[in-house]
């Protein structure tokens, strides 16, 4: 049986400039977007594998891997799907932002269908 290969991208590296939350109230601490993204990516990997999918982490570790290198890794492995996780870090202030955005490759009918299923 053919196992679908899902490429998982945890977005930005740990030291990507500007990709972090504002300071948490009453502290001098913040969270890098990568810290959140990596935790989500790790959980996604575990659950996809539990469901019988093969997975490929395209940017293992915390370094900032350029987007082209990440997509090249997925394409070389012939990944069936590419999921990139982003928390969309804020601009230094807390607000009431919320929601989810899902994108697919333009013109891909199967990509649009998969994006719709995943989003819903």
Protein backbone atom coordinates (compact mmCIF):
# COMPACT_ATOMS: atom_id res chain seq x y z
CA UNK A 1 0.00 0.00 0.00
CA UNK A 2 1.26 3.47 -0.89
CA UNK A 3 1.75 5.77 2.10
CA UNK A 4 1.27 9.47 1.49
CA UNK A 5 4.30 11.57 2.42
CA UNK A 6 3.49 14.78 4.27
CA UNK A 7 6.23 17.42 4.41
CA UNK A 8 5.98 19.49 7.59
CA UNK A 9 7.52 22.96 7.80
CA UNK A 10 7.64 24.72 11.16
CA UNK A 11 8.11 28.11 9.53
CA UNK A 12 10.77 30.44 10.84
CA UNK A 13 13.95 29.57 12.69
CA UNK A 14 14.43 30.42 16.34
CA UNK A 15 16.44 33.57 15.61
CA UNK A 16 14.44 34.98 12.69
CA UNK A 17 14.23 38.73 13.44
CA UNK A 18 10.85 40.02 14.60
CA UNK A 19 9.10 36.66 14.75
CA UNK A 20 8.05 36.68 18.40
CA UNK A 21 5.21 37.63 20.71
CA UNK A 22 5.17 40.86 22.68
CA UNK A 23 6.40 40.52 26.27
CA UNK A 24 3.99 38.53 28.38
CA UNK A 25 2.17 40.79 30.89
CA UNK A 26 4.19 41.42 34.05
CA UNK A 27 7.31 39.71 32.68
CA UNK A 28 10.26 40.36 30.43
CA UNK A 29 9.60 37.09 28.61
CA UNK A 30 8.31 36.45 25.13
CA UNK A 31 7.89 33.44 22.85
CA UNK A 32 9.61 33.07 19.50
CA UNK A 33 7.19 32.07 16.76
CA UNK A 34 9.41 29.03 16.13
CA UNK A 35 8.85 27.75 19.68
CA UNK A 36 5.11 27.60 19.09
CA UNK A 37 5.39 26.38 15.50
CA UNK A 38 7.83 23.59 16.46
CA UNK A 39 5.50 22.30 19.18
CA UNK A 40 2.57 22.24 16.72
CA UNK A 41 4.72 20.59 14.02
CA UNK A 42 5.91 17.90 16.44
CA UNK A 43 2.32 17.11 17.48
CA UNK A 44 1.22 17.06 13.84
CA UNK A 45 4.03 14.63 12.98
CA UNK A 46 3.09 12.24 15.80
CA UNK A 47 -0.59 12.28 14.89
CA UNK A 48 -0.07 11.92 11.13
CA UNK A 49 2.22 8.93 11.72
CA UNK A 50 -0.34 7.44 14.13
CA UNK A 51 -2.84 7.65 11.25
CA UNK A 52 -0.48 5.83 8.88
CA UNK A 53 1.11 8.73 6.99
CA UNK A 54 4.83 9.12 6.39
CA UNK A 55 6.26 12.49 7.42
CA UNK A 56 9.28 14.60 6.59
CA UNK A 57 10.37 17.55 8.72
CA UNK A 58 11.85 19.92 6.13
CA UNK A 59 13.65 22.17 8.64
CA UNK A 60 14.75 20.01 11.58
CA UNK A 61 16.36 21.96 14.38
CA UNK A 62 16.03 25.62 15.27
CA UNK A 63 18.13 27.27 12.55
CA UNK A 64 16.49 29.50 9.96
CA UNK A 65 16.32 27.39 6.79
CA UNK A 66 15.50 29.44 3.65
CA UNK A 67 12.10 28.74 2.09
CA UNK A 68 13.65 27.51 -1.17
CA UNK A 69 15.74 24.95 0.73
CA UNK A 70 12.64 23.74 2.60
CA UNK A 71 10.57 23.36 -0.57
CA UNK A 72 13.51 21.76 -2.42
CA UNK A 73 13.77 19.16 0.38
CA UNK A 74 10.06 18.36 0.06
CA UNK A 75 10.16 18.22 -3.74
CA UNK A 76 13.27 15.99 -3.76
CA UNK A 77 11.49 13.56 -1.42
CA UNK A 78 8.40 13.70 -3.69
CA UNK A 79 6.13 14.80 -0.85
CA UNK A 80 2.42 14.52 -1.58
CA UNK A 81 1.52 17.46 0.66
CA UNK A 82 3.44 20.37 2.15
CA UNK A 83 2.13 21.85 5.39
CA UNK A 84 3.79 25.03 6.64
CA UNK A 85 2.87 26.15 10.14
CA UNK A 86 2.99 29.82 11.10
CA UNK A 87 1.66 31.60 14.18
CA UNK A 88 2.09 35.01 12.53
CA UNK A 89 3.88 36.74 15.39
CA UNK A 90 2.65 40.20 16.28
CA UNK A 91 4.29 43.61 15.97
CA UNK A 92 5.21 44.06 19.62
CA UNK A 93 1.73 44.73 21.01
CA UNK A 94 -1.05 42.42 22.14
CA UNK A 95 -4.32 42.70 20.27
CA UNK A 96 -7.47 40.73 19.60
CA UNK A 97 -6.17 38.94 16.50
CA UNK A 98 -7.54 35.47 15.99
CA UNK A 99 -8.40 33.00 13.28
CA UNK A 100 -6.82 30.60 10.83
CA UNK A 101 -5.53 31.09 7.29
CA UNK A 102 -5.12 28.24 4.82
CA UNK A 103 -3.42 28.56 1.45
CA UNK A 104 -2.93 26.14 -1.44
CA UNK A 105 -0.87 26.12 -4.61
CA UNK A 106 -2.65 28.32 -7.19
CA UNK A 107 -4.47 26.32 -9.83
CA UNK A 108 -4.23 23.02 -7.96
CA UNK A 109 -7.70 21.48 -7.74
CA UNK A 110 -6.53 18.75 -5.35
CA UNK A 111 -4.58 21.33 -3.34
CA UNK A 112 -7.69 23.47 -2.95
CA UNK A 113 -9.75 20.44 -1.92
CA UNK A 114 -7.13 19.35 0.64
CA UNK A 115 -6.82 22.91 1.99
CA UNK A 116 -10.60 23.14 2.41
CA UNK A 117 -10.76 19.82 4.29
CA UNK A 118 -7.82 20.74 6.54
CA UNK A 119 -9.16 24.23 7.22
CA UNK A 120 -12.62 22.98 8.17
